[in-house]
C-alpha atoms as a PDB file:
ATOM      1  CA  UNK A   1     -17.001  15.669  24.611  1.00  0.00           C
ATOM      2  CA  UNK A   2     -17.221  13.625  27.788  1.00  0.00           C
ATOM      3  CA  UNK A   3     -14.781  10.745  28.132  1.00  0.00           C
ATOM      4  CA  UNK A   4     -17.537   8.094  28.168  1.00  0.00           C
ATOM      5  CA  UNK A   5     -19.167   9.472  25.008  1.00  0.00           C
ATOM      6  CA  UNK A   6     -15.782   9.849  23.306  1.00  0.00           C
ATOM      7  CA  UNK A   7     -14.791   6.260  24.011  1.00  0.00           C
ATOM      8  CA  UNK A   8     -18.182   4.993  22.848  1.00  0.00           C
ATOM      9  CA  UNK A   9     -17.656   6.901  19.614  1.00  0.00           C
ATOM     10  CA  UNK A  10     -14.192   5.372  19.167  1.00  0.00           C
ATOM     11  CA  UNK A  11     -15.547   1.841  19.613  1.00  0.00           C
ATOM     12  CA  UNK A  12     -18.345   2.638  17.143  1.00  0.00           C
ATOM     13  CA  UNK A  13     -15.810   3.860  14.554  1.00  0.00           C
ATOM     14  CA  UNK A  14     -13.835   0.637  15.001  1.00  0.00           C
ATOM     15  CA  UNK A  15     -16.950  -1.469  14.534  1.00  0.00           C
ATOM     16  CA  UNK A  16     -17.960   0.495  11.439  1.00  0.00           C
ATOM     17  CA  UNK A  17     -14.599   0.539   9.655  1.00  0.00           C
ATOM     18  CA  UNK A  18     -12.818  -2.514  11.072  1.00  0.00           C
ATOM     19  CA  UNK A  19      -9.474  -0.694  11.254  1.00  0.00           C
ATOM     20  CA  UNK A  20      -9.010   2.954  12.242  1.00  0.00           C
ATOM     21  CA  UNK A  21      -5.942   5.130  12.671  1.00  0.00           C
ATOM     22  CA  UNK A  22      -5.297   7.677  15.401  1.00  0.00           C
ATOM     23  CA  UNK A  23      -5.332  10.386  12.740  1.00  0.00           C
ATOM     24  CA  UNK A  24      -8.710   9.242  11.401  1.00  0.00           C
ATOM     25  CA  UNK A  25     -10.251   9.271  14.906  1.00  0.00           C
ATOM     26  CA  UNK A  26      -8.728  12.694  15.537  1.00  0.00           C
ATOM     27  CA  UNK A  27     -10.358  14.055  12.382  1.00  0.00           C
ATOM     28  CA  UNK A  28     -13.728  12.587  13.312  1.00  0.00           C
ATOM     29  CA  UNK A  29     -13.821  13.617  16.990  1.00  0.00           C
ATOM     30  CA  UNK A  30     -11.618  16.724  17.012  1.00  0.00           C
ATOM     31  CA  UNK A  31      -9.586  15.723  20.073  1.00  0.00           C
ATOM     32  CA  UNK A  32      -5.850  15.545  20.661  1.00  0.00           C
ATOM     33  CA  UNK A  33      -3.577  12.761  19.488  1.00  0.00           C
ATOM     34  CA  UNK A  34      -2.469  12.054  23.076  1.00  0.00           C
ATOM     35  CA  UNK A  35      -6.052  11.761  24.321  1.00  0.00           C
ATOM     36  CA  UNK A  36      -6.944   9.278  21.586  1.00  0.00           C
ATOM     37  CA  UNK A  37      -3.913   7.126  22.323  1.00  0.00           C
ATOM     38  CA  UNK A  38      -4.825   7.012  26.032  1.00  0.00           C
ATOM     39  CA  UNK A  39      -8.407   6.102  25.139  1.00  0.00           C
ATOM     40  CA  UNK A  40      -7.262   3.327  22.796  1.00  0.00           C
ATOM     41  CA  UNK A  41      -4.986   1.850  25.453  1.00  0.00           C
ATOM     42  CA  UNK A  42      -7.797   1.966  28.015  1.00  0.00           C
ATOM     43  CA  UNK A  43     -10.368   0.450  25.632  1.00  0.00           C
ATOM     44  CA  UNK A  44      -7.930  -2.301  24.689  1.00  0.00           C
ATOM     45  CA  UNK A  45      -7.386  -3.117  28.366  1.00  0.00           C
ATOM     46  CA  UNK A  46     -11.175  -3.474  28.702  1.00  0.00           C
ATOM     47  CA  UNK A  47     -11.187  -5.833  25.696  1.00  0.00           C
ATOM     48  CA  UNK A  48     -13.445  -3.473  23.704  1.00  0.00           C
ATOM     49  CA  UNK A  49     -11.044  -3.207  20.758  1.00  0.00           C
ATOM     50  CA  UNK A  50      -7.587  -4.400  19.692  1.00  0.00           C
ATOM     51  CA  UNK A  51      -4.688  -1.962  19.785  1.00  0.00           C
ATOM     52  CA  UNK A  52      -2.436  -1.990  16.725  1.00  0.00           C
ATOM     53  CA  UNK A  53       0.463   0.221  15.722  1.00  0.00           C
ATOM     54  CA  UNK A  54      -0.910   3.630  14.790  1.00  0.00           C
ATOM     55  CA  UNK A  55      -4.526   2.869  15.672  1.00  0.00           C
ATOM     56  CA  UNK A  56      -6.911   0.058  16.528  1.00  0.00           C
ATOM     57  CA  UNK A  57      -9.130  -2.621  15.030  1.00  0.00           C
ATOM     58  CA  UNK A  58     -12.447  -4.079  16.100  1.00  0.00           C
ATOM     59  CA  UNK A  59     -12.767  -7.396  17.900  1.00  0.00           C
ATOM     60  CA  UNK A  60     -14.897  -8.717  15.031  1.00  0.00           C
ATOM     61  CA  UNK A  61     -12.249  -7.717  12.513  1.00  0.00           C
ATOM     62  CA  UNK A  62      -9.677  -9.833  14.341  1.00  0.00           C
ATOM     63  CA  UNK A  63     -11.815 -12.927  13.845  1.00  0.00           C
ATOM     64  CA  UNK A  64     -12.684 -12.395  10.190  1.00  0.00           C
ATOM     65  CA  UNK A  65     -11.215 -14.661   7.526  1.00  0.00           C
ATOM     66  CA  UNK A  66      -9.460 -13.836   5.313  1.00  0.00           C
ATOM     67  CA  UNK A  67      -7.559 -11.147   7.200  1.00  0.00           C
ATOM     68  CA  UNK A  68      -6.639  -9.155   4.101  1.00  0.00           C
ATOM     69  CA  UNK A  69      -7.700  -5.520   4.427  1.00  0.00           C
ATOM     70  CA  UNK A  70     -10.213  -4.246   1.906  1.00  0.00           C
ATOM     71  CA  UNK A  71      -9.343  -1.491  -0.538  1.00  0.00           C
ATOM     72  CA  UNK A  72     -11.385   1.000   1.506  1.00  0.00           C
ATOM     73  CA  UNK A  73      -9.699   0.018   4.767  1.00  0.00           C
ATOM     74  CA  UNK A  74      -6.252   0.400   3.224  1.00  0.00           C
ATOM     75  CA  UNK A  75      -7.134   3.888   1.969  1.00  0.00           C
ATOM     76  CA  UNK A  76      -7.739   4.981   5.565  1.00  0.00           C
ATOM     77  CA  UNK A  77      -4.371   3.796   6.839  1.00  0.00           C
ATOM     78  CA  UNK A  78      -1.366   6.168   6.878  1.00  0.00           C
ATOM     79  CA  UNK A  79      -2.769   8.498   4.205  1.00  0.00           C
ATOM     80  CA  UNK A  80      -0.215  11.275   4.798  1.00  0.00           C
ATOM     81  CA  UNK A  81       2.666   8.842   4.559  1.00  0.00           C
ATOM     82  CA  UNK A  82       1.298   7.317   1.352  1.00  0.00           C
ATOM     83  CA  UNK A  83       0.939  10.772  -0.202  1.00  0.00           C
ATOM     84  CA  UNK A  84       4.572  11.495   0.675  1.00  0.00           C
ATOM     85  CA  UNK A  85       5.731   8.240  -0.961  1.00  0.00           C
ATOM     86  CA  UNK A  86       3.572   8.723  -4.057  1.00  0.00           C
ATOM     87  CA  UNK A  87       4.973  12.162  -4.786  1.00  0.00           C
ATOM     88  CA  UNK A  88       8.562  11.024  -4.290  1.00  0.00           C
ATOM     89  CA  UNK A  89       8.224   7.874  -6.393  1.00  0.00           C
ATOM     90  CA  UNK A  90       6.575   9.723  -9.279  1.00  0.00           C
ATOM     91  CA  UNK A  91       9.735  11.832  -9.628  1.00  0.00           C
ATOM     92  CA  UNK A  92      11.488   8.756 -11.065  1.00  0.00           C
ATOM     93  CA  UNK A  93       9.150   8.705 -14.092  1.00  0.00           C
ATOM     94  CA  UNK A  94      10.156  10.703 -17.157  1.00  0.00           C
ATOM     95  CA  UNK A  95       8.845  11.470 -20.620  1.00  0.00           C
ATOM     96  CA  UNK A  96       8.584   8.462 -22.991  1.00  0.00           C
ATOM     97  CA  UNK A  97       9.044   5.915 -20.202  1.00  0.00           C
ATOM     98  CA  UNK A  98       7.207   2.598 -20.336  1.00  0.00           C
ATOM     99  CA  UNK A  99       5.962   2.173 -16.786  1.00  0.00           C
ATOM    100  CA  UNK A 100       4.112  -0.547 -14.897  1.00  0.00           C
ATOM    101  CA  UNK A 101       1.951   0.655 -12.003  1.00  0.00           C
ATOM    102  CA  UNK A 102       0.678  -2.105  -9.740  1.00  0.00           C
ATOM    103  CA  UNK A 103      -2.393  -2.207  -7.510  1.00  0.00           C
ATOM    104  CA  UNK A 104      -2.486  -0.461  -4.167  1.00  0.00           C
ATOM    105  CA  UNK A 105      -3.575   2.787  -2.591  1.00  0.00           C
ATOM    106  CA  UNK A 106      -0.087   4.346  -2.613  1.00  0.00           C
ATOM    107  CA  UNK A 107       0.285   3.727  -6.334  1.00  0.00           C
ATOM    108  CA  UNK A 108      -3.194   5.120  -6.934  1.00  0.00           C
ATOM    109  CA  UNK A 109      -1.959   8.332  -5.301  1.00  0.00           C
ATOM    110  CA  UNK A 110       1.048   8.314  -7.650  1.00  0.00           C
ATOM    111  CA  UNK A 111      -1.312   8.980 -10.558  1.00  0.00           C
ATOM    112  CA  UNK A 112      -1.763  12.563  -9.280  1.00  0.00           C
ATOM    113  CA  UNK A 113       1.950  13.276  -9.589  1.00  0.00           C
ATOM    114  CA  UNK A 114       2.847  11.663 -12.906  1.00  0.00           C
ATOM    115  CA  UNK A 115       4.393  14.046 -15.444  1.00  0.00           C
ATOM    116  CA  UNK A 116       1.874  15.386 -17.954  1.00  0.00           C
ATOM    117  CA  UNK A 117       4.044  14.124 -20.775  1.00  0.00           C
ATOM    118  CA  UNK A 118       4.087  11.223 -23.187  1.00  0.00           C
ATOM    119  CA  UNK A 119       4.145   7.954 -21.231  1.00  0.00           C
ATOM    120  CA  UNK A 120       3.233   4.348 -21.894  1.00  0.00           C
ATOM    121  CA  UNK A 121       1.544   3.013 -18.766  1.00  0.00           C
ATOM    122  CA  UNK A 122       0.710  -0.639 -18.077  1.00  0.00           C
ATOM    123  CA  UNK A 123      -1.378  -1.728 -15.109  1.00  0.00           C
ATOM    124  CA  UNK A 124      -3.401  -4.658 -13.829  1.00  0.00           C
ATOM    125  CA  UNK A 125      -5.230  -2.367 -11.379  1.00  0.00           C
ATOM    126  CA  UNK A 126      -8.714  -1.233 -12.338  1.00  0.00           C
ATOM    127  CA  UNK A 127      -8.633   1.746  -9.889  1.00  0.00           C
ATOM    128  CA  UNK A 128      -5.277   2.923 -11.318  1.00  0.00           C
ATOM    129  CA  UNK A 129      -6.585   2.511 -14.880  1.00  0.00           C
ATOM    130  CA  UNK A 130      -9.751   4.495 -14.112  1.00  0.00           C
ATOM    131  CA  UNK A 131      -7.756   7.334 -12.564  1.00  0.00           C
ATOM    132  CA  UNK A 132      -5.671   7.707 -15.732  1.00  0.00           C
ATOM    133  CA  UNK A 133      -8.273   7.422 -18.495  1.00  0.00           C
ATOM    134  CA  UNK A 134      -8.914  11.165 -18.755  1.00  0.00           C
ATOM    135  CA  UNK A 135      -5.285  12.056 -19.505  1.00  0.00           C
ATOM    136  CA  UNK A 136      -4.558  12.242 -23.221  1.00  0.00           C
ATOM    137  CA  UNK A 137      -0.779  12.216 -22.728  1.00  0.00           C
ATOM    138  CA  UNK A 138      -0.705   8.531 -21.809  1.00  0.00           C
ATOM    139  CA  UNK A 139      -0.860   5.346 -23.854  1.00  0.00           C
ATOM    140  CA  UNK A 140      -2.730   3.183 -21.382  1.00  0.00           C
ATOM    141  CA  UNK A 141      -2.781  -0.633 -21.239  1.00  0.00           C
ATOM    142  CA  UNK A 142      -4.934  -2.620 -18.822  1.00  0.00           C
ATOM    143  CA  UNK A 143      -3.857  -6.230 -18.223  1.00  0.00           C
ATOM    144  CA  UNK A 144      -6.910  -8.483 -17.915  1.00  0.00           C
ATOM    145  CA  UNK A 145      -7.445 -11.748 -16.117  1.00  0.00           C
ATOM    146  CA  UNK A 146      -9.298 -13.025 -13.055  1.00  0.00           C
ATOM    147  CA  UNK A 147     -10.607 -10.043 -11.082  1.00  0.00           C
ATOM    148  CA  UNK A 148      -9.856  -9.730  -7.336  1.00  0.00           C
ATOM    149  CA  UNK A 149     -12.531  -7.372  -6.056  1.00  0.00           C
ATOM    150  CA  UNK A 150     -10.840  -6.792  -2.681  1.00  0.00           C
ATOM    151  CA  UNK A 151      -7.826  -5.100  -4.359  1.00  0.00           C
ATOM    152  CA  UNK A 152      -9.237  -4.223  -7.787  1.00  0.00           C
ATOM    153  CA  UNK A 153      -6.465  -6.214  -9.502  1.00  0.00           C
ATOM    154  CA  UNK A 154      -6.518  -8.653 -12.414  1.00  0.00           C
ATOM    155  CA  UNK A 155      -4.432 -11.787 -11.809  1.00  0.00           C
ATOM    156  CA  UNK A 156      -4.107 -15.410 -12.873  1.00  0.00           C
ATOM    157  CA  UNK A 157      -2.883 -17.239 -15.954  1.00  0.00           C
ATOM    158  CA  UNK A 158      -4.187 -14.725 -18.517  1.00  0.00           C
ATOM    159  CA  UNK A 159      -2.513 -11.819 -16.721  1.00  0.00           C
ATOM    160  CA  UNK A 160       0.706 -13.813 -16.278  1.00  0.00           C
ATOM    161  CA  UNK A 161       0.894 -14.791 -19.960  1.00  0.00           C
ATOM    162  CA  UNK A 162       0.221 -11.231 -21.106  1.00  0.00           C
ATOM    163  CA  UNK A 163       2.800  -9.505 -18.933  1.00  0.00           C
ATOM    164  CA  UNK A 164       5.566 -11.843 -20.093  1.00  0.00           C
ATOM    165  CA  UNK A 165       5.091 -10.602 -23.673  1.00  0.00           C
ATOM    166  CA  UNK A 166       5.641  -6.930 -22.777  1.00  0.00           C
ATOM    167  CA  UNK A 167       8.747  -4.806 -22.236  1.00  0.00           C
ATOM    168  CA  UNK A 168       8.827  -2.644 -19.103  1.00  0.00           C
ATOM    169  CA  UNK A 169      11.347   0.059 -18.297  1.00  0.00           C
ATOM    170  CA  UNK A 170      10.215   0.922 -14.773  1.00  0.00           C
ATOM    171  CA  UNK A 171       7.935  -1.078 -12.483  1.00  0.00           C
ATOM    172  CA  UNK A 172       6.343   0.208  -9.271  1.00  0.00           C
ATOM    173  CA  UNK A 173       4.887  -2.450  -6.994  1.00  0.00           C
ATOM    174  CA  UNK A 174       3.361  -2.234  -3.514  1.00  0.00           C
ATOM    175  CA  UNK A 175       3.956  -4.722  -0.708  1.00  0.00           C
ATOM    176  CA  UNK A 176       2.175  -5.750   2.498  1.00  0.00           C
ATOM    177  CA  UNK A 177       5.283  -6.679   4.451  1.00  0.00           C
ATOM    178  CA  UNK A 178       9.080  -6.373   4.476  1.00  0.00           C
ATOM    179  CA  UNK A 179      10.971  -8.825   6.652  1.00  0.00           C
ATOM    180  CA  UNK A 180      14.733  -8.903   6.192  1.00  0.00           C
ATOM    181  CA  UNK A 181      15.402  -9.511   2.482  1.00  0.00           C
ATOM    182  CA  UNK A 182      11.900 -10.748   1.635  1.00  0.00           C
ATOM    183  CA  UNK A 183       8.831  -8.768   0.576  1.00  0.00           C
ATOM    184  CA  UNK A 184       5.388 -10.285   0.912  1.00  0.00           C
ATOM    185  CA  UNK A 185       1.722  -9.935   0.047  1.00  0.00           C
ATOM    186  CA  UNK A 186      -1.513 -11.634   1.041  1.00  0.00           C
ATOM    187  CA  UNK A 187      -2.457 -13.283  -2.256  1.00  0.00           C
ATOM    188  CA  UNK A 188      -0.320 -15.922  -3.958  1.00  0.00           C
ATOM    189  CA  UNK A 189      -1.821 -14.997  -7.338  1.00  0.00           C
ATOM    190  CA  UNK A 190      -1.081 -11.296  -6.919  1.00  0.00           C
ATOM    191  CA  UNK A 191       2.390 -12.086  -5.626  1.00  0.00           C
ATOM    192  CA  UNK A 192       3.163 -14.351  -8.573  1.00  0.00           C
ATOM    193  CA  UNK A 193       2.056 -11.681 -11.045  1.00  0.00           C
ATOM    194  CA  UNK A 194       4.132  -9.009  -9.295  1.00  0.00           C
ATOM    195  CA  UNK A 195       7.145 -11.320  -9.391  1.00  0.00           C
ATOM    196  CA  UNK A 196       6.763 -11.668 -13.166  1.00  0.00           C
ATOM    197  CA  UNK A 197       6.427  -7.886 -13.545  1.00  0.00           C
ATOM    198  CA  UNK A 198       9.587  -7.198 -11.554  1.00  0.00           C
ATOM    199  CA  UNK A 199      11.513  -9.882 -13.443  1.00  0.00           C
ATOM    200  CA  UNK A 200      10.561  -8.165 -16.727  1.00  0.00           C
ATOM    201  CA  UNK A 201      11.383  -4.613 -15.625  1.00  0.00           C
ATOM    202  CA  UNK A 202      14.698  -2.917 -16.373  1.00  0.00           C
ATOM    203  CA  UNK A 203      14.305  -0.893 -13.170  1.00  0.00           C
ATOM    204  CA  UNK A 204      12.464  -2.380 -10.189  1.00  0.00           C
ATOM    205  CA  UNK A 205      10.891  -0.157  -7.528  1.00  0.00           C
ATOM    206  CA  UNK A 206       8.823  -0.933  -4.440  1.00  0.00           C
ATOM    207  CA  UNK A 207       6.579   1.447  -2.494  1.00  0.00           C
ATOM    208  CA  UNK A 208       5.818   0.834   1.181  1.00  0.00           C
ATOM    209  CA  UNK A 209       5.081   3.014   4.188  1.00  0.00           C
ATOM    210  CA  UNK A 210       7.378   2.683   7.187  1.00  0.00           C
ATOM    211  CA  UNK A 211       4.823   0.549   9.063  1.00  0.00           C
ATOM    212  CA  UNK A 212       5.431  -2.303   6.582  1.00  0.00           C
ATOM    213  CA  UNK A 213       9.034  -2.856   7.739  1.00  0.00           C
ATOM    214  CA  UNK A 214       9.641  -5.827  10.030  1.00  0.00           C
ATOM    215  CA  UNK A 215       6.222  -7.174   9.061  1.00  0.00           C
ATOM    216  CA  UNK A 216       5.374 -10.196   6.935  1.00  0.00           C
ATOM    217  CA  UNK A 217       2.306 -11.419   5.109  1.00  0.00           C
ATOM    218  CA  UNK A 218       1.328 -14.816   3.731  1.00  0.00           C
ATOM    219  CA  UNK A 219       3.361 -15.028   0.507  1.00  0.00           C
ATOM    220  CA  UNK A 220       6.970 -13.948  -0.069  1.00  0.00           C
ATOM    221  CA  UNK A 221       7.182 -12.939  -3.713  1.00  0.00           C
ATOM    222  CA  UNK A 222      10.508 -11.111  -4.153  1.00  0.00           C
ATOM    223  CA  UNK A 223      13.945 -10.472  -2.724  1.00  0.00           C
ATOM    224  CA  UNK A 224      15.036  -6.946  -1.770  1.00  0.00           C
ATOM    225  CA  UNK A 225      18.533  -7.621  -3.089  1.00  0.00           C
ATOM    226  CA  UNK A 226      17.088  -7.599  -6.610  1.00  0.00           C
ATOM    227  CA  UNK A 227      15.254  -4.279  -6.174  1.00  0.00           C
ATOM    228  CA  UNK A 228      16.763  -0.999  -7.413  1.00  0.00           C
ATOM    229  CA  UNK A 229      15.073   1.148  -4.764  1.00  0.00           C
ATOM    230  CA  UNK A 230      12.318   1.106  -2.153  1.00  0.00           C
ATOM    231  CA  UNK A 231      10.326   4.303  -1.622  1.00  0.00           C
ATOM    232  CA  UNK A 232       9.059   4.867   1.911  1.00  0.00           C
ATOM    233  CA  UNK A 233       7.931   7.801   4.056  1.00  0.00           C
ATOM    234  CA  UNK A 234       9.711  10.194   6.374  1.00  0.00           C
ATOM    235  CA  UNK A 235       8.651   8.409   9.576  1.00  0.00           C
ATOM    236  CA  UNK A 236      11.111   5.558   9.043  1.00  0.00           C
ATOM    237  CA  UNK A 237      13.664   5.413  11.854  1.00  0.00           C
ATOM    238  CA  UNK A 238      17.371   5.676  11.117  1.00  0.00           C
ATOM    239  CA  UNK A 239      17.904   2.263  12.711  1.00  0.00           C
ATOM    240  CA  UNK A 240      15.387   0.564  10.399  1.00  0.00           C
ATOM    241  CA  UNK A 241      16.596   2.497   7.348  1.00  0.00           C
ATOM    242  CA  UNK A 242      20.242   1.626   7.978  1.00  0.00           C
ATOM    243  CA  UNK A 243      19.380  -2.026   8.523  1.00  0.00           C
ATOM    244  CA  UNK A 244      17.438  -2.417   5.283  1.00  0.00           C
ATOM    245  CA  UNK A 245      19.956  -0.485   3.195  1.00  0.00           C
ATOM    246  CA  UNK A 246      22.106  -3.625   3.289  1.00  0.00           C
ATOM    247  CA  UNK A 247      19.561  -5.055   0.865  1.00  0.00           C
ATOM    248  CA  UNK A 248      18.511  -2.117  -1.351  1.00  0.00           C
ATOM    249  CA  UNK A 249      18.447   1.655  -1.705  1.00  0.00           C
ATOM    250  CA  UNK A 250      15.889   3.202   0.696  1.00  0.00           C
ATOM    251  CA  UNK A 251      14.472   6.516  -0.551  1.00  0.00           C
ATOM    252  CA  UNK A 252      12.385   8.801   1.677  1.00  0.00           C
END
């Protein structure tokens, strides 16, 4: 493919999806990783897209409000890394556990790796719930409340009241950002619910790809010092890992 056509295709993918990764572009155009990165740098210098870590986003996406990524956009980002985390985190779940699984694309992937044994599973995520309904091994509980379509999660006062009445052995919660000892998310309501879940859980686990470190979102909802372990992927640098291990156990 000629350079001009290739770069036009990259801009078109950005406009269509809002956010695209280098890997996603590579799969669509069948060109090398290095070529795509050069193209993205060149297109960004021409103000045709915005370069971000691991990919790019459209100019229109930068100006949209709110800036929270949609469920579909999140599924595109760092898919290999999320698969790695999901498989590793699922190893902590054992027969007869009572487990909370929060919303998020990494936790959705965890459903593939759960043991096919007796489990009690609680979730406020409609996508997670739907992925688990066909498995007869699980006692499944969906927490209701106000529905956030962008993440597929139920939140608000009804969800908060319900979760405080339940006992949880192990909770798995996703985050949008990790900055020093604080973890953050976009939505105050989702963050408040996740705080209540973690407070209730005997064992508290976070899942986050390595790109979330040294990033922050709108609402800080928990402190890493109170977390038992944070599952991340194998791209995390030793420097970042060593720094954040002062706060919690980093598993990758």
